[in-house]
Protein backbone atom coordinates (compact mmCIF):
# COMPACT_ATOMS: atom_id res chain seq x y z
CA MET A 1 0.16 14.89 -10.26
CA LYS A 2 2.74 16.85 -8.27
CA ALA A 3 5.47 15.12 -6.29
CA ASN A 4 5.49 15.27 -2.51
CA ILE A 5 7.51 14.24 0.54
CA LYS A 6 6.84 11.02 2.42
CA LEU A 7 6.77 12.05 6.06
CA GLU A 8 5.70 9.20 8.32
CA LEU A 9 7.77 10.17 11.34
CA LYS A 10 5.69 8.26 13.89
CA THR A 11 6.62 4.98 12.19
CA LEU A 12 10.37 5.63 12.50
CA THR A 13 12.44 4.24 15.35
CA PRO A 14 14.67 6.77 17.16
CA ILE A 15 17.74 5.49 15.28
CA ARG A 16 16.05 5.84 11.88
CA LEU A 17 14.77 9.27 12.89
CA ALA A 18 18.32 10.35 13.70
CA ALA A 19 19.51 8.95 10.36
CA LEU A 20 16.87 11.01 8.54
CA MET A 21 18.02 14.12 10.40
CA ARG A 22 21.62 13.51 9.29
CA ASN A 23 20.58 12.94 5.69
CA VAL A 24 18.44 16.06 5.53
CA ALA A 25 21.18 18.16 7.16
CA ASP A 26 23.78 16.87 4.70
CA LYS A 27 21.57 17.43 1.64
CA MET A 28 20.32 20.88 2.64
CA GLU A 29 23.70 22.27 3.64
CA GLY A 30 24.65 24.75 0.92
CA ASN A 31 21.68 23.67 -1.21
CA PRO A 32 20.83 26.62 -3.51
CA TYR A 33 17.19 25.58 -3.65
CA PHE A 34 16.79 26.22 0.08
CA PRO A 35 18.57 29.48 0.95
CA ALA A 36 16.61 30.37 4.10
CA PRO A 37 15.40 27.29 5.97
CA PRO A 38 13.64 27.83 9.33
CA LEU A 39 16.32 25.60 10.89
CA SER A 40 19.86 25.64 9.51
CA ALA A 41 21.70 22.48 8.49
CA ALA A 42 24.27 23.17 11.22
CA ASP A 43 21.57 23.45 13.89
CA LEU A 44 19.90 20.26 12.66
CA LYS A 45 23.23 18.41 12.81
CA ALA A 46 23.85 19.63 16.33
CA GLN A 47 20.36 18.53 17.37
CA GLU A 48 20.92 15.12 15.79
CA GLU A 49 24.22 14.61 17.63
CA VAL A 50 22.59 15.33 20.99
CA PHE A 51 19.66 13.06 20.10
CA THR A 52 21.95 10.21 19.01
CA ALA A 53 23.93 10.46 22.25
CA ALA A 54 20.67 10.27 24.20
CA ILE A 55 19.59 7.20 22.21
CA MET A 56 22.83 5.40 23.06
CA LYS A 57 22.58 6.37 26.73
CA ALA A 58 18.98 5.15 26.95
CA ILE A 59 19.91 1.64 25.78
CA ASN A 60 19.85 -0.41 29.00
CA GLY A 61 19.81 2.93 30.79
CA SER A 62 17.72 4.46 33.55
CA LEU A 63 14.13 5.63 33.31
CA ASP A 64 15.35 9.24 33.32
CA SER A 65 17.61 8.57 30.32
CA ARG A 66 14.72 7.06 28.38
CA LEU A 67 12.45 9.98 29.23
CA HIS A 68 15.18 12.36 28.07
CA ARG A 69 15.51 10.46 24.80
CA ASN A 70 11.73 10.58 24.30
CA ALA A 71 11.68 14.34 24.82
CA LEU A 72 14.45 14.79 22.26
CA GLU A 73 12.63 12.48 19.87
CA LEU A 74 9.59 14.76 20.02
CA GLU A 75 11.81 17.78 19.28
CA ALA A 76 13.40 15.94 16.36
CA ARG A 77 10.02 15.20 14.80
CA ASN A 78 8.94 18.81 15.20
CA SER A 79 12.15 20.03 13.53
CA LEU A 80 11.72 17.67 10.60
CA ARG A 81 8.07 18.65 10.14
CA LEU A 82 9.09 22.33 10.13
CA LEU A 83 11.74 21.69 7.49
CA ALA A 84 9.42 19.49 5.44
CA ASP A 85 6.81 22.24 5.28
CA TYR A 86 9.50 24.68 4.13
CA VAL A 87 10.76 22.25 1.47
CA ARG A 88 7.23 21.69 0.15
CA MET A 89 6.61 25.43 0.00
CA VAL A 90 9.80 26.05 -1.96
CA ALA A 91 9.54 23.03 -4.28
CA GLN A 92 5.86 23.46 -5.23
CA GLY A 93 5.70 19.83 -6.30
CA ASP A 94 8.97 19.82 -8.29
CA GLU A 95 10.34 16.29 -7.89
CA ALA A 96 14.01 17.22 -8.45
CA ILE A 97 13.92 19.96 -5.81
CA LEU A 98 12.11 17.74 -3.30
CA ALA A 99 14.59 14.89 -3.87
CA SER A 100 17.54 17.23 -3.24
CA SER A 101 16.29 17.97 0.28
CA GLY A 102 17.17 14.60 1.76
CA PHE A 103 13.56 13.68 2.51
CA GLU A 104 12.12 10.53 0.96
CA LEU A 105 9.67 11.13 -1.85
CA ALA A 106 6.12 9.91 -1.48
CA ARG A 107 5.08 7.24 -3.91
CA ARG A 108 3.14 8.77 -6.75
CA SER A 109 -0.01 6.96 -7.75
CA GLY A 110 -0.79 6.99 -11.43
CA PRO A 111 -4.22 7.03 -13.04
CA PRO A 112 -6.47 4.02 -12.42
CA GLN A 113 -5.66 1.06 -14.64
CA PRO A 114 -8.03 -1.49 -16.20
CA MET A 115 -8.35 -4.66 -14.19
CA VAL A 116 -6.24 -7.68 -15.09
CA THR A 117 -8.29 -10.81 -15.80
CA PRO A 118 -8.15 -13.35 -12.94
CA MET A 119 -7.23 -16.94 -13.71
CA MET A 120 -9.52 -19.65 -12.38
CA GLN A 121 -7.50 -22.31 -10.53
CA ALA A 122 -10.05 -24.78 -9.19
CA ALA A 123 -13.71 -25.67 -8.80
CA ARG A 124 -13.96 -28.55 -6.37
CA MET A 125 -16.44 -30.34 -4.15
CA THR A 126 -16.27 -29.41 -0.48
CA GLY A 127 -17.94 -32.47 0.99
CA ARG A 128 -21.04 -30.44 1.81
CA HIS A 129 -24.18 -31.17 -0.20
CA GLY A 130 -24.78 -28.76 -3.08
CA GLU A 131 -21.57 -26.76 -2.56
CA VAL A 132 -18.56 -26.00 -4.78
CA GLU A 133 -15.45 -24.10 -3.72
CA LEU A 134 -13.86 -21.80 -6.31
CA ARG A 135 -10.34 -20.39 -6.25
CA TRP A 136 -8.55 -17.97 -8.59
CA SER A 137 -5.43 -15.84 -8.94
CA GLY A 138 -5.39 -12.45 -7.22
CA VAL A 139 -5.54 -9.15 -9.10
CA PRO A 140 -3.70 -6.03 -7.82
CA ASN A 141 -5.76 -2.94 -6.91
CA ARG A 142 -9.08 -4.72 -7.23
CA ARG A 143 -11.98 -3.71 -5.04
CA THR A 144 -14.05 -6.87 -5.36
CA TYR A 145 -14.47 -9.98 -7.46
CA HIS A 146 -17.71 -10.98 -9.21
CA ILE A 147 -18.41 -14.69 -9.50
CA TYR A 148 -20.66 -15.98 -12.29
CA VAL A 149 -22.32 -19.33 -13.04
CA THR A 150 -24.05 -20.87 -16.05
CA GLN A 151 -25.44 -24.27 -16.96
CA GLN A 152 -25.05 -23.57 -20.68
CA ASP A 153 -22.10 -24.32 -22.94
CA PRO A 154 -19.84 -21.31 -22.24
CA THR A 155 -18.48 -21.40 -25.82
CA ALA A 156 -21.94 -21.14 -27.35
CA PRO A 157 -23.09 -17.73 -28.69
CA GLY A 158 -25.53 -16.03 -26.36
CA CYS A 159 -24.44 -17.94 -23.27
CA VAL A 160 -26.02 -16.24 -20.24
CA TRP A 161 -23.92 -15.84 -17.09
CA THR A 162 -25.64 -15.24 -13.74
CA LEU A 163 -23.93 -13.33 -10.94
CA THR A 164 -23.78 -15.69 -7.98
CA GLY A 165 -21.41 -13.95 -5.57
CA ILE A 166 -19.30 -10.89 -4.75
CA THR A 167 -16.21 -11.10 -2.55
CA GLY A 168 -12.92 -9.42 -1.80
CA LYS A 169 -11.15 -12.76 -1.35
CA ILE A 170 -9.65 -15.13 -3.93
CA THR A 171 -11.90 -17.98 -2.92
CA HIS A 172 -15.67 -18.38 -2.78
CA ARG A 173 -18.15 -21.14 -2.01
CA VAL A 174 -21.24 -21.45 -4.19
CA GLN A 175 -24.15 -23.19 -2.49
CA GLY A 176 -27.57 -24.50 -3.48
CA LEU A 177 -26.34 -26.46 -6.50
CA GLU A 178 -27.82 -29.71 -7.78
CA ALA A 179 -25.67 -32.69 -6.83
CA TYR A 180 -23.32 -33.99 -9.54
CA LYS A 181 -24.74 -31.63 -12.16
CA GLY A 182 -22.18 -29.76 -14.23
CA TYR A 183 -21.92 -26.01 -13.73
CA TRP A 184 -19.53 -23.57 -15.37
CA PHE A 185 -17.98 -20.80 -13.30
CA CYS A 186 -15.94 -17.70 -14.08
CA VAL A 187 -14.79 -14.61 -12.19
CA SER A 188 -14.00 -10.97 -12.95
CA ALA A 189 -12.16 -8.25 -11.03
CA VAL A 190 -13.79 -4.89 -10.30
CA GLY A 191 -11.69 -1.76 -9.76
CA ALA A 192 -11.80 2.03 -10.03
CA LEU A 193 -12.57 1.88 -13.76
CA GLY A 194 -15.29 -0.73 -13.36
CA GLU A 195 -15.42 -4.44 -14.10
CA GLY A 196 -12.73 -6.22 -16.07
CA GLN A 197 -13.06 -9.19 -18.37
CA LYS A 198 -14.39 -12.51 -17.19
CA SER A 199 -11.88 -15.30 -16.69
CA ASP A 200 -11.82 -18.49 -18.71
CA PRO A 201 -14.53 -20.77 -17.28
CA VAL A 202 -14.01 -23.90 -15.23
CA LEU A 203 -16.39 -26.82 -14.78
CA GLY A 204 -17.47 -27.81 -11.29
CA ARG A 205 -19.82 -30.30 -9.69
CA ALA A 206 -21.25 -30.36 -6.18
CA ALA A 207 -21.64 -33.45 -4.02
């Protein structure tokens, strides 16, 4: 998977936007990878200086000063988008070239990984008739959890588990159980590659 630039300009405050402009201008000045940018490093620096001055003036300033800052903020975003497109075009996904531009690299997601096995933490009465509350450890990147129940000895060969619930949370309430009868519960995580292994079982009883 090719590298790319992280460009989430709308999430940046004006001060952080100005800091990004300075960093990009510093890194691209004289950079042999980028000989003909659509906006020179010197022009970007000059734009950043004007923008920074407007930011300072707008702090506890008039409405006009804040409107002026907002207009310059829009120009700053447009300049950075223009440069980012140029950097992407030149780099063609080369991580070293992208990193030399001063822009932050986007996080690269690797191939889907098998699901880690959750760990059952509790199976307790809730005070409601026929109900048990289950809780387990969370698994990163899971889509859902599958909850299973059996009345058989879970260590016995051929033990049959019945799917009793699907949830995205790390807790689930199983209802319709016989009071004070022992039930075994386990859980598995389901992700992009399918369902992972079932957890070690826990014994629970409903009131």
